[in-house]
Amino acid sequence: MGLHKTTYYFSVSGSLLLILVITITSCSRHDKDRIPVARVTDKYLYLDEVREAIPRETILADSAEATVNYIHKWIRNQLLLEQAKKQLKGQNLDFEKQIEDYRNALIIFAYEQELIKQKLDTTVTDAEIQTYYDTHKEDFLLKNNIVKVIYVKLLKDEKKINRFRQLMQSDDNPLRIELGELCKMHAENYYLDDESWLFFDDMLKEIPIKSYNQEAFLQNNKFIEIQDSLYRYLVYIKAFRIKEGYSPLSFERDRIKSIILHTKKVAILNEMNNSIYENAKKKNRFEVF
């Protein structure tokens, strides 16, 4: 067995990449029409396989590193595979049935996905969402308290604090615009979307409110102002829902849409499956012994 060095050039992303390949000549046989770049025992890694594995968008400098990493990863995997084969015996190496089952499952899955792509109408109307919500309301009991809220985090010595207080407690649209502009210039952090529901616990991650009874706190507080050593926090709670009550439709809309789409997918697959079965039954393409 001998060694010789061969220099090859190949293109990655339109650039030329220089690879120095050490070809190991031995009694092991490989594809003479392909360029080998690595060998482990009688297994060869070829240049075209490396090319295929390296993303085309990889730039030249990164391509060289990615190529070396890929080759050494391949070598390590082959060595590990050889060691595993030596240690495992009998049934532990008999994966033919599992491989066949997995292959069949992949084929069926690919067919199902193509069928869904062709037949699934992804449009879900507001009426469908409302109907599902009304008929499955018990599925939408809240497990946590939720709020519609705006809050602002300011430095303790913020001079415009009084204006913030006034603006936050107003629903007037021009004043809300002014509040947004003030927040951009003076606030350390802020949240002004009071049309979306938030978990109260998520808000508490931003606002250091200490409450041993969230339900009582929400029922008795609308505008809250607290401070710590550095900051002042202003919070205006526009609305809230207590856990164990019904979750609002607006909070569940995306979830319901996903459920409806999943139901449609299942219906398409069941219809396809039953159709194939019934057609095969009519043509006597199967029998049970």
C-alpha atoms as a PDB file:
ATOM      1  CA  MET A   1       0.000   0.000   0.000  1.00  0.00           C
ATOM      2  CA  GLY A   2       1.339   3.440  -0.908  1.00  0.00           C
ATOM      3  CA  LEU A   3       0.521   7.134  -0.680  1.00  0.00           C
ATOM      4  CA  HIS A   4       0.593   9.855  -3.263  1.00  0.00           C
ATOM      5  CA  LYS A   5      -0.603  13.458  -3.214  1.00  0.00           C
ATOM      6  CA  THR A   6      -2.868  14.864  -5.864  1.00  0.00           C
ATOM      7  CA  THR A   7      -4.088  18.445  -6.137  1.00  0.00           C
ATOM      8  CA  TYR A   8      -7.657  19.070  -7.342  1.00  0.00           C
ATOM      9  CA  TYR A   9      -9.635  22.230  -8.036  1.00  0.00           C
ATOM     10  CA  PHE A  10     -13.394  22.431  -7.902  1.00  0.00           C
ATOM     11  CA  SER A  11     -15.969  25.188  -7.820  1.00  0.00           C
ATOM     12  CA  VAL A  12     -18.115  26.111  -4.851  1.00  0.00           C
ATOM     13  CA  SER A  13     -20.593  28.940  -5.388  1.00  0.00           C
ATOM     14  CA  GLY A  14     -18.805  29.963  -8.538  1.00  0.00           C
ATOM     15  CA  SER A  15     -15.401  30.219  -6.809  1.00  0.00           C
ATOM     16  CA  LEU A  16     -12.435  27.908  -7.167  1.00  0.00           C
ATOM     17  CA  LEU A  17     -11.535  25.980  -4.047  1.00  0.00           C
ATOM     18  CA  LEU A  18      -8.173  24.219  -3.800  1.00  0.00           C
ATOM     19  CA  ILE A  19      -8.209  20.824  -2.147  1.00  0.00           C
ATOM     20  CA  LEU A  20      -5.110  18.740  -1.545  1.00  0.00           C
ATOM     21  CA  VAL A  21      -6.216  15.142  -1.563  1.00  0.00           C
ATOM     22  CA  ILE A  22      -4.040  12.394  -0.169  1.00  0.00           C
ATOM     23  CA  THR A  23      -5.033   9.324  -2.148  1.00  0.00           C
ATOM     24  CA  ILE A  24      -4.261   6.024  -0.473  1.00  0.00           C
ATOM     25  CA  THR A  25      -3.491   3.234  -2.923  1.00  0.00           C
ATOM     26  CA  SER A  26      -4.187  -0.229  -1.619  1.00  0.00           C
ATOM     27  CA  CYS A  27      -5.916  -3.434  -2.561  1.00  0.00           C
ATOM     28  CA  SER A  28      -9.204  -1.767  -1.640  1.00  0.00           C
ATOM     29  CA  ARG A  29     -11.255  -1.054  -4.733  1.00  0.00           C
ATOM     30  CA  HIS A  30     -13.083   2.177  -5.457  1.00  0.00           C
ATOM     31  CA  ASP A  31     -14.860   3.866  -8.345  1.00  0.00           C
ATOM     32  CA  LYS A  32     -12.052   4.756 -10.765  1.00  0.00           C
ATOM     33  CA  ASP A  33     -14.230   7.397 -12.444  1.00  0.00           C
ATOM     34  CA  ARG A  34     -14.672   9.406  -9.234  1.00  0.00           C
ATOM     35  CA  ILE A  35     -12.147  11.380  -7.187  1.00  0.00           C
ATOM     36  CA  PRO A  36     -11.698  10.030  -3.643  1.00  0.00           C
ATOM     37  CA  VAL A  37     -10.954  12.490  -0.841  1.00  0.00           C
ATOM     38  CA  ALA A  38     -10.921  10.111   2.144  1.00  0.00           C
ATOM     39  CA  ARG A  39     -10.938   6.403   2.995  1.00  0.00           C
ATOM     40  CA  VAL A  40     -11.798   4.368   6.049  1.00  0.00           C
ATOM     41  CA  THR A  41     -10.910   0.705   5.518  1.00  0.00           C
ATOM     42  CA  ASP A  42     -12.698  -0.115   2.243  1.00  0.00           C
ATOM     43  CA  LYS A  43     -15.163   2.794   2.318  1.00  0.00           C
ATOM     44  CA  TYR A  44     -14.393   5.872   0.221  1.00  0.00           C
ATOM     45  CA  LEU A  45     -15.670   9.435   0.366  1.00  0.00           C
ATOM     46  CA  TYR A  46     -15.723  11.062  -3.053  1.00  0.00           C
ATOM     47  CA  LEU A  47     -15.252  14.641  -4.155  1.00  0.00           C
ATOM     48  CA  ASP A  48     -18.726  14.847  -5.714  1.00  0.00           C
ATOM     49  CA  GLU A  49     -20.283  13.807  -2.393  1.00  0.00           C
ATOM     50  CA  VAL A  50     -18.415  16.581  -0.596  1.00  0.00           C
ATOM     51  CA  ARG A  51     -19.492  19.090  -3.227  1.00  0.00           C
ATOM     52  CA  GLU A  52     -23.104  18.062  -2.779  1.00  0.00           C
ATOM     53  CA  ALA A  53     -22.865  18.371   1.007  1.00  0.00           C
ATOM     54  CA  ILE A  54     -21.438  21.921   1.060  1.00  0.00           C
ATOM     55  CA  PRO A  55     -24.173  24.582   0.645  1.00  0.00           C
ATOM     56  CA  ARG A  56     -23.801  26.451  -2.625  1.00  0.00           C
ATOM     57  CA  GLU A  57     -24.143  29.828  -0.929  1.00  0.00           C
ATOM     58  CA  THR A  58     -21.094  29.167   1.285  1.00  0.00           C
ATOM     59  CA  ILE A  59     -18.378  31.710   0.530  1.00  0.00           C
ATOM     60  CA  LEU A  60     -14.884  30.630  -0.514  1.00  0.00           C
ATOM     61  CA  ALA A  61     -13.112  31.009   2.844  1.00  0.00           C
ATOM     62  CA  ASP A  62     -15.897  29.219   4.705  1.00  0.00           C
ATOM     63  CA  SER A  63     -16.063  26.500   2.043  1.00  0.00           C
ATOM     64  CA  ALA A  64     -12.516  25.358   2.776  1.00  0.00           C
ATOM     65  CA  GLU A  65     -13.241  25.025   6.494  1.00  0.00           C
ATOM     66  CA  ALA A  66     -16.613  23.390   5.853  1.00  0.00           C
ATOM     67  CA  THR A  67     -15.004  20.867   3.498  1.00  0.00           C
ATOM     68  CA  VAL A  68     -12.334  19.860   6.014  1.00  0.00           C
ATOM     69  CA  ASN A  69     -14.943  19.584   8.776  1.00  0.00           C
ATOM     70  CA  TYR A  70     -17.201  17.442   6.607  1.00  0.00           C
ATOM     71  CA  ILE A  71     -14.391  15.060   5.667  1.00  0.00           C
ATOM     72  CA  HIS A  72     -13.309  14.563   9.274  1.00  0.00           C
ATOM     73  CA  LYS A  73     -16.894  14.128  10.425  1.00  0.00           C
ATOM     74  CA  TRP A  74     -17.361  11.447   7.755  1.00  0.00           C
ATOM     75  CA  ILE A  75     -14.190   9.681   8.929  1.00  0.00           C
ATOM     76  CA  ARG A  76     -15.329   9.738  12.563  1.00  0.00           C
ATOM     77  CA  ASN A  77     -18.772   8.392  11.626  1.00  0.00           C
ATOM     78  CA  GLN A  78     -17.271   5.547   9.585  1.00  0.00           C
ATOM     79  CA  LEU A  79     -14.899   4.602  12.405  1.00  0.00           C
ATOM     80  CA  LEU A  80     -17.748   4.664  14.912  1.00  0.00           C
ATOM     81  CA  LEU A  81     -19.895   2.551  12.590  1.00  0.00           C
ATOM     82  CA  GLU A  82     -17.120  -0.035  12.233  1.00  0.00           C
ATOM     83  CA  GLN A  83     -16.703  -0.202  16.006  1.00  0.00           C
ATOM     84  CA  ALA A  84     -20.450  -0.574  16.507  1.00  0.00           C
ATOM     85  CA  LYS A  85     -20.624  -3.429  14.000  1.00  0.00           C
ATOM     86  CA  LYS A  86     -17.829  -5.243  15.806  1.00  0.00           C
ATOM     87  CA  GLN A  87     -19.519  -4.957  19.186  1.00  0.00           C
ATOM     88  CA  LEU A  88     -23.130  -5.634  18.192  1.00  0.00           C
ATOM     89  CA  LYS A  89     -24.139  -9.201  17.456  1.00  0.00           C
ATOM     90  CA  GLY A  90     -27.029 -11.057  15.827  1.00  0.00           C
ATOM     91  CA  GLN A  91     -30.413  -9.404  16.117  1.00  0.00           C
ATOM     92  CA  ASN A  92     -28.844  -6.146  17.227  1.00  0.00           C
ATOM     93  CA  LEU A  93     -27.595  -5.699  13.664  1.00  0.00           C
ATOM     94  CA  ASP A  94     -30.784  -6.839  11.894  1.00  0.00           C
ATOM     95  CA  PHE A  95     -32.419  -3.550  10.963  1.00  0.00           C
ATOM     96  CA  GLU A  96     -33.840  -4.616   7.602  1.00  0.00           C
ATOM     97  CA  LYS A  97     -37.465  -4.644   8.774  1.00  0.00           C
ATOM     98  CA  GLN A  98     -37.112  -1.329  10.609  1.00  0.00           C
ATOM     99  CA  ILE A  99     -35.464   0.241   7.557  1.00  0.00           C
ATOM    100  CA  GLU A 100     -38.203  -1.051   5.267  1.00  0.00           C
ATOM    101  CA  ASP A 101     -40.932   0.166   7.632  1.00  0.00           C
ATOM    102  CA  TYR A 102     -39.281   3.580   7.867  1.00  0.00           C
ATOM    103  CA  ARG A 103     -38.900   3.809   4.092  1.00  0.00           C
ATOM    104  CA  ASN A 104     -42.558   2.907   3.575  1.00  0.00           C
ATOM    105  CA  ALA A 105     -43.636   5.445   6.178  1.00  0.00           C
ATOM    106  CA  LEU A 106     -41.595   8.145   4.405  1.00  0.00           C
ATOM    107  CA  ILE A 107     -43.187   7.294   1.047  1.00  0.00           C
ATOM    108  CA  ILE A 108     -46.706   7.423   2.507  1.00  0.00           C
ATOM    109  CA  PHE A 109     -45.940  10.663   4.351  1.00  0.00           C
ATOM    110  CA  ALA A 110     -44.576  12.303   1.179  1.00  0.00           C
ATOM    111  CA  TYR A 111     -47.703  11.243  -0.740  1.00  0.00           C
ATOM    112  CA  GLU A 112     -50.000  12.550   1.989  1.00  0.00           C
ATOM    113  CA  GLN A 113     -48.208  15.906   2.087  1.00  0.00           C
ATOM    114  CA  GLU A 114     -48.493  16.259  -1.687  1.00  0.00           C
ATOM    115  CA  LEU A 115     -52.198  15.388  -1.527  1.00  0.00           C
ATOM    116  CA  ILE A 116     -52.791  17.958   1.221  1.00  0.00           C
ATOM    117  CA  LYS A 117     -50.894  20.583  -0.787  1.00  0.00           C
ATOM    118  CA  GLN A 118     -53.174  19.958  -3.759  1.00  0.00           C
ATOM    119  CA  LYS A 119     -56.533  19.681  -1.993  1.00  0.00           C
ATOM    120  CA  LEU A 120     -56.419  21.630   1.266  1.00  0.00           C
ATOM    121  CA  ASP A 121     -58.254  24.945   1.244  1.00  0.00           C
ATOM    122  CA  THR A 122     -56.347  26.980   3.825  1.00  0.00           C
ATOM    123  CA  THR A 123     -59.074  29.628   4.029  1.00  0.00           C
ATOM    124  CA  VAL A 124     -60.721  29.673   7.456  1.00  0.00           C
ATOM    125  CA  THR A 125     -63.554  32.180   7.751  1.00  0.00           C
ATOM    126  CA  ASP A 126     -64.507  34.212  10.807  1.00  0.00           C
ATOM    127  CA  ALA A 127     -67.832  32.353  10.815  1.00  0.00           C
ATOM    128  CA  GLU A 128     -66.045  28.984  11.027  1.00  0.00           C
ATOM    129  CA  ILE A 129     -63.882  30.233  13.894  1.00  0.00           C
ATOM    130  CA  GLN A 130     -66.896  31.654  15.740  1.00  0.00           C
ATOM    131  CA  THR A 131     -68.893  28.435  15.288  1.00  0.00           C
ATOM    132  CA  TYR A 132     -66.041  26.289  16.557  1.00  0.00           C
ATOM    133  CA  TYR A 133     -65.556  28.560  19.553  1.00  0.00           C
ATOM    134  CA  ASP A 134     -69.266  28.503  20.432  1.00  0.00           C
ATOM    135  CA  THR A 135     -69.550  24.712  20.147  1.00  0.00           C
ATOM    136  CA  HIS A 136     -66.324  23.920  22.019  1.00  0.00           C
ATOM    137  CA  LYS A 137     -66.391  26.626  24.646  1.00  0.00           C
ATOM    138  CA  GLU A 138     -65.525  24.238  27.472  1.00  0.00           C
ATOM    139  CA  ASP A 139     -62.182  23.631  25.759  1.00  0.00           C
ATOM    140  CA  PHE A 140     -61.269  27.280  26.213  1.00  0.00           C
ATOM    141  CA  LEU A 141     -61.220  27.686  29.974  1.00  0.00           C
ATOM    142  CA  LEU A 142     -58.327  29.868  31.048  1.00  0.00           C
ATOM    143  CA  LYS A 143     -55.563  28.274  33.076  1.00  0.00           C
ATOM    144  CA  ASN A 144     -53.921  31.652  33.759  1.00  0.00           C
ATOM    145  CA  ASN A 145     -55.055  35.223  34.209  1.00  0.00           C
ATOM    146  CA  ILE A 146     -54.841  37.420  31.126  1.00  0.00           C
ATOM    147  CA  VAL A 147     -54.899  41.196  30.663  1.00  0.00           C
ATOM    148  CA  LYS A 148     -55.157  43.952  28.093  1.00  0.00           C
ATOM    149  CA  VAL A 149     -52.603  46.436  29.294  1.00  0.00           C
ATOM    150  CA  ILE A 150     -50.163  49.222  28.503  1.00  0.00           C
ATOM    151  CA  TYR A 151     -47.083  49.917  30.590  1.00  0.00           C
ATOM    152  CA  VAL A 152     -44.106  52.264  30.596  1.00  0.00           C
ATOM    153  CA  LYS A 153     -40.757  51.960  32.373  1.00  0.00           C
ATOM    154  CA  LEU A 154     -39.096  55.304  33.155  1.00  0.00           C
ATOM    155  CA  LEU A 155     -36.087  56.530  35.071  1.00  0.00           C
ATOM    156  CA  LYS A 156     -37.108  57.672  38.551  1.00  0.00           C
ATOM    157  CA  ASP A 157     -36.233  61.292  37.870  1.00  0.00           C
ATOM    158  CA  GLU A 158     -38.112  61.515  34.555  1.00  0.00           C
ATOM    159  CA  LYS A 159     -39.421  65.094  34.351  1.00  0.00           C
ATOM    160  CA  LYS A 160     -42.390  64.303  32.113  1.00  0.00           C
ATOM    161  CA  ILE A 161     -43.889  61.784  34.533  1.00  0.00           C
ATOM    162  CA  ASN A 162     -47.126  63.757  34.985  1.00  0.00           C
ATOM    163  CA  ARG A 163     -47.719  63.871  31.232  1.00  0.00           C
ATOM    164  CA  PHE A 164     -47.170  60.119  31.031  1.00  0.00           C
ATOM    165  CA  ARG A 165     -49.776  59.617  33.770  1.00  0.00           C
ATOM    166  CA  GLN A 166     -52.324  61.718  31.881  1.00  0.00           C
ATOM    167  CA  LEU A 167     -51.747  60.147  28.494  1.00  0.00           C
ATOM    168  CA  MET A 168     -51.766  56.535  29.712  1.00  0.00           C
ATOM    169  CA  GLN A 169     -55.242  56.842  31.213  1.00  0.00           C
ATOM    170  CA  SER A 170     -56.775  58.292  28.061  1.00  0.00           C
ATOM    171  CA  ASP A 171     -58.296  56.311  25.186  1.00  0.00           C
ATOM    172  CA  ASP A 172     -58.221  59.335  22.897  1.00  0.00           C
ATOM    173  CA  ASN A 173     -56.355  58.387  19.718  1.00  0.00           C
ATOM    174  CA  PRO A 174     -54.346  61.630  19.260  1.00  0.00           C
ATOM    175  CA  LEU A 175     -53.209  61.409  22.881  1.00  0.00           C
ATOM    176  CA  ARG A 176     -52.156  57.795  22.334  1.00  0.00           C
ATOM    177  CA  ILE A 177     -50.053  58.936  19.395  1.00  0.00           C
ATOM    178  CA  GLU A 178     -48.422  61.521  21.634  1.00  0.00           C
ATOM    179  CA  LEU A 179     -47.794  58.804  24.247  1.00  0.00           C
ATOM    180  CA  GLY A 180     -46.032  56.679  21.637  1.00  0.00           C
ATOM    181  CA  GLU A 181     -43.764  59.561  20.646  1.00  0.00           C
ATOM    182  CA  LEU A 182     -42.927  60.307  24.296  1.00  0.00           C
ATOM    183  CA  CYS A 183     -42.094  56.644  24.909  1.00  0.00           C
ATOM    184  CA  LYS A 184     -39.686  56.598  21.968  1.00  0.00           C
ATOM    185  CA  MET A 185     -37.823  59.608  23.401  1.00  0.00           C
ATOM    186  CA  HIS A 186     -37.959  59.025  27.163  1.00  0.00           C
ATOM    187  CA  ALA A 187     -38.978  55.470  28.131  1.00  0.00           C
ATOM    188  CA  GLU A 188     -36.536  52.698  29.022  1.00  0.00           C
ATOM    189  CA  ASN A 189     -39.130  50.151  27.959  1.00  0.00           C
ATOM    190  CA  TYR A 190     -42.825  50.236  27.038  1.00  0.00           C
ATOM    191  CA  TYR A 191     -45.790  48.251  25.694  1.00  0.00           C
ATOM    192  CA  LEU A 192     -48.755  50.069  24.144  1.00  0.00           C
ATOM    193  CA  ASP A 193     -50.833  47.376  22.391  1.00  0.00           C
ATOM    194  CA  ASP A 194     -53.921  47.283  24.588  1.00  0.00           C
ATOM    195  CA  GLU A 195     -55.968  45.414  21.979  1.00  0.00           C
ATOM    196  CA  SER A 196     -54.027  42.168  22.461  1.00  0.00           C
ATOM    197  CA  TRP A 197     -54.341  39.847  25.424  1.00  0.00           C
ATOM    198  CA  LEU A 198     -51.260  38.995  27.488  1.00  0.00           C
ATOM    199  CA  PHE A 199     -50.726  36.461  30.224  1.00  0.00           C
ATOM    200  CA  PHE A 200     -50.547  38.424  33.460  1.00  0.00           C
ATOM    201  CA  ASP A 201     -47.510  36.355  34.478  1.00  0.00           C
ATOM    202  CA  ASP A 202     -45.675  37.495  31.323  1.00  0.00           C
ATOM    203  CA  MET A 203     -46.348  41.118  32.230  1.00  0.00           C
ATOM    204  CA  LEU A 204     -44.957  40.494  35.710  1.00  0.00           C
ATOM    205  CA  LYS A 205     -41.634  39.548  34.130  1.00  0.00           C
ATOM    206  CA  GLU A 206     -41.346  43.182  33.029  1.00  0.00           C
ATOM    207  CA  ILE A 207     -43.114  44.944  35.913  1.00  0.00           C
ATOM    208  CA  PRO A 208     -42.064  44.118  39.515  1.00  0.00           C
ATOM    209  CA  ILE A 209     -45.593  43.913  40.935  1.00  0.00           C
ATOM    210  CA  LYS A 210     -45.759  41.864  44.134  1.00  0.00           C
ATOM    211  CA  SER A 211     -49.138  40.250  44.600  1.00  0.00           C
ATOM    212  CA  TYR A 212     -50.058  37.111  46.523  1.00  0.00           C
ATOM    213  CA  ASN A 213     -53.540  37.066  45.017  1.00  0.00           C
ATOM    214  CA  GLN A 214     -53.574  38.003  41.343  1.00  0.00           C
ATOM    215  CA  GLU A 215     -57.347  37.821  41.035  1.00  0.00           C
ATOM    216  CA  ALA A 216     -57.904  40.268  43.906  1.00  0.00           C
ATOM    217  CA  PHE A 217     -55.181  42.548  42.561  1.00  0.00           C
ATOM    218  CA  LEU A 218     -56.755  42.711  39.102  1.00  0.00           C
ATOM    219  CA  GLN A 219     -60.219  43.337  40.482  1.00  0.00           C
ATOM    220  CA  ASN A 220     -59.017  46.232  42.652  1.00  0.00           C
ATOM    221  CA  ASN A 221     -56.427  47.974  40.478  1.00  0.00           C
ATOM    222  CA  LYS A 222     -56.668  49.756  37.138  1.00  0.00           C
ATOM    223  CA  PHE A 223     -53.815  52.262  37.109  1.00  0.00           C
ATOM    224  CA  ILE A 224     -50.705  51.155  39.010  1.00  0.00           C
ATOM    225  CA  GLU A 225     -47.541  53.098  39.726  1.00  0.00           C
ATOM    226  CA  ILE A 226     -44.601  51.444  41.463  1.00  0.00           C
ATOM    227  CA  GLN A 227     -40.859  52.011  41.658  1.00  0.00           C
ATOM    228  CA  ASP A 228     -37.620  50.326  42.559  1.00  0.00           C
ATOM    229  CA  SER A 229     -34.160  51.776  43.174  1.00  0.00           C
ATOM    230  CA  LEU A 230     -33.723  52.968  39.573  1.00  0.00           C
ATOM    231  CA  TYR A 231     -37.034  52.990  37.741  1.00  0.00           C
ATOM    232  CA  ARG A 232     -40.663  54.025  37.935  1.00  0.00           C
ATOM    233  CA  TYR A 233     -43.291  51.768  36.341  1.00  0.00           C
ATOM    234  CA  LEU A 234     -46.671  52.986  35.128  1.00  0.00           C
ATOM    235  CA  VAL A 235     -49.295  50.359  34.289  1.00  0.00           C
ATOM    236  CA  TYR A 236     -52.820  50.838  32.942  1.00  0.00           C
ATOM    237  CA  ILE A 237     -54.986  47.691  32.899  1.00  0.00           C
ATOM    238  CA  LYS A 238     -57.707  48.116  30.301  1.00  0.00           C
ATOM    239  CA  ALA A 239     -59.352  44.701  30.770  1.00  0.00           C
ATOM    240  CA  PHE A 240     -58.716  41.330  32.381  1.00  0.00           C
ATOM    241  CA  ARG A 241     -60.025  37.778  32.468  1.00  0.00           C
ATOM    242  CA  ILE A 242     -59.615  35.546  35.506  1.00  0.00           C
ATOM    243  CA  LYS A 243     -58.385  31.959  35.188  1.00  0.00           C
ATOM    244  CA  GLU A 244     -61.070  29.265  35.115  1.00  0.00           C
ATOM    245  CA  GLY A 245     -63.243  31.685  33.151  1.00  0.00           C
ATOM    246  CA  TYR A 246     -63.754  31.446  29.407  1.00  0.00           C
ATOM    247  CA  SER A 247     -60.852  32.592  27.278  1.00  0.00           C
ATOM    248  CA  PRO A 248     -61.886  35.352  24.825  1.00  0.00           C
ATOM    249  CA  LEU A 249     -62.238  34.436  21.166  1.00  0.00           C
ATOM    250  CA  SER A 250     -59.599  36.981  20.123  1.00  0.00           C
ATOM    251  CA  PHE A 251     -57.073  35.207  22.367  1.00  0.00           C
ATOM    252  CA  GLU A 252     -57.893  31.794  20.858  1.00  0.00           C
ATOM    253  CA  ARG A 253     -58.311  32.741  17.186  1.00  0.00           C
ATOM    254  CA  ASP A 254     -54.962  31.390  15.919  1.00  0.00           C
ATOM    255  CA  ARG A 255     -55.329  28.208  17.942  1.00  0.00           C
ATOM    256  CA  ILE A 256     -58.832  27.575  16.593  1.00  0.00           C
ATOM    257  CA  LYS A 257     -57.669  28.214  13.034  1.00  0.00           C
ATOM    258  CA  SER A 258     -54.924  25.596  13.461  1.00  0.00           C
ATOM    259  CA  ILE A 259     -57.450  23.106  14.859  1.00  0.00           C
ATOM    260  CA  ILE A 260     -59.841  23.653  11.931  1.00  0.00           C
ATOM    261  CA  LEU A 261     -57.047  23.258   9.371  1.00  0.00           C
ATOM    262  CA  HIS A 262     -55.858  20.076  11.079  1.00  0.00           C
ATOM    263  CA  THR A 263     -59.415  18.707  11.002  1.00  0.00           C
ATOM    264  CA  LYS A 264     -59.596  19.439   7.274  1.00  0.00           C
ATOM    265  CA  LYS A 265     -56.277  17.675   6.702  1.00  0.00           C
ATOM    266  CA  VAL A 266     -57.455  14.588   8.579  1.00  0.00           C
ATOM    267  CA  ALA A 267     -60.712  14.570   6.560  1.00  0.00           C
ATOM    268  CA  ILE A 268     -58.773  14.705   3.258  1.00  0.00           C
ATOM    269  CA  LEU A 269     -56.483  11.840   4.295  1.00  0.00           C
ATOM    270  CA  ASN A 270     -59.364   9.709   5.591  1.00  0.00           C
ATOM    271  CA  GLU A 271     -61.315  10.244   2.392  1.00  0.00           C
ATOM    272  CA  MET A 272     -58.278   9.296   0.296  1.00  0.00           C
ATOM    273  CA  ASN A 273     -57.568   6.225   2.424  1.00  0.00           C
ATOM    274  CA  ASN A 274     -61.169   5.002   2.294  1.00  0.00           C
ATOM    275  CA  SER A 275     -61.371   5.634  -1.441  1.00  0.00           C
ATOM    276  CA  ILE A 276     -58.239   3.562  -2.129  1.00  0.00           C
ATOM    277  CA  TYR A 277     -59.534   0.769   0.105  1.00  0.00           C
ATOM    278  CA  GLU A 278     -63.012   0.635  -1.447  1.00  0.00           C
ATOM    279  CA  ASN A 279     -61.660   0.719  -5.022  1.00  0.00           C
ATOM    280  CA  ALA A 280     -59.253  -2.105  -4.247  1.00  0.00           C
ATOM    281  CA  LYS A 281     -62.077  -4.078  -2.604  1.00  0.00           C
ATOM    282  CA  LYS A 282     -64.313  -3.756  -5.685  1.00  0.00           C
ATOM    283  CA  LYS A 283     -61.497  -4.985  -7.941  1.00  0.00           C
ATOM    284  CA  ASN A 284     -60.589  -7.877  -5.590  1.00  0.00           C
ATOM    285  CA  ARG A 285     -57.058  -6.586  -5.234  1.00  0.00           C
ATOM    286  CA  PHE A 286     -56.746  -7.995  -1.704  1.00  0.00           C
ATOM    287  CA  GLU A 287     -58.139 -10.776   0.417  1.00  0.00           C
ATOM    288  CA  VAL A 288     -57.954 -11.879   4.037  1.00  0.00           C
ATOM    289  CA  PHE A 289     -57.176 -15.533   4.741  1.00  0.00           C
END
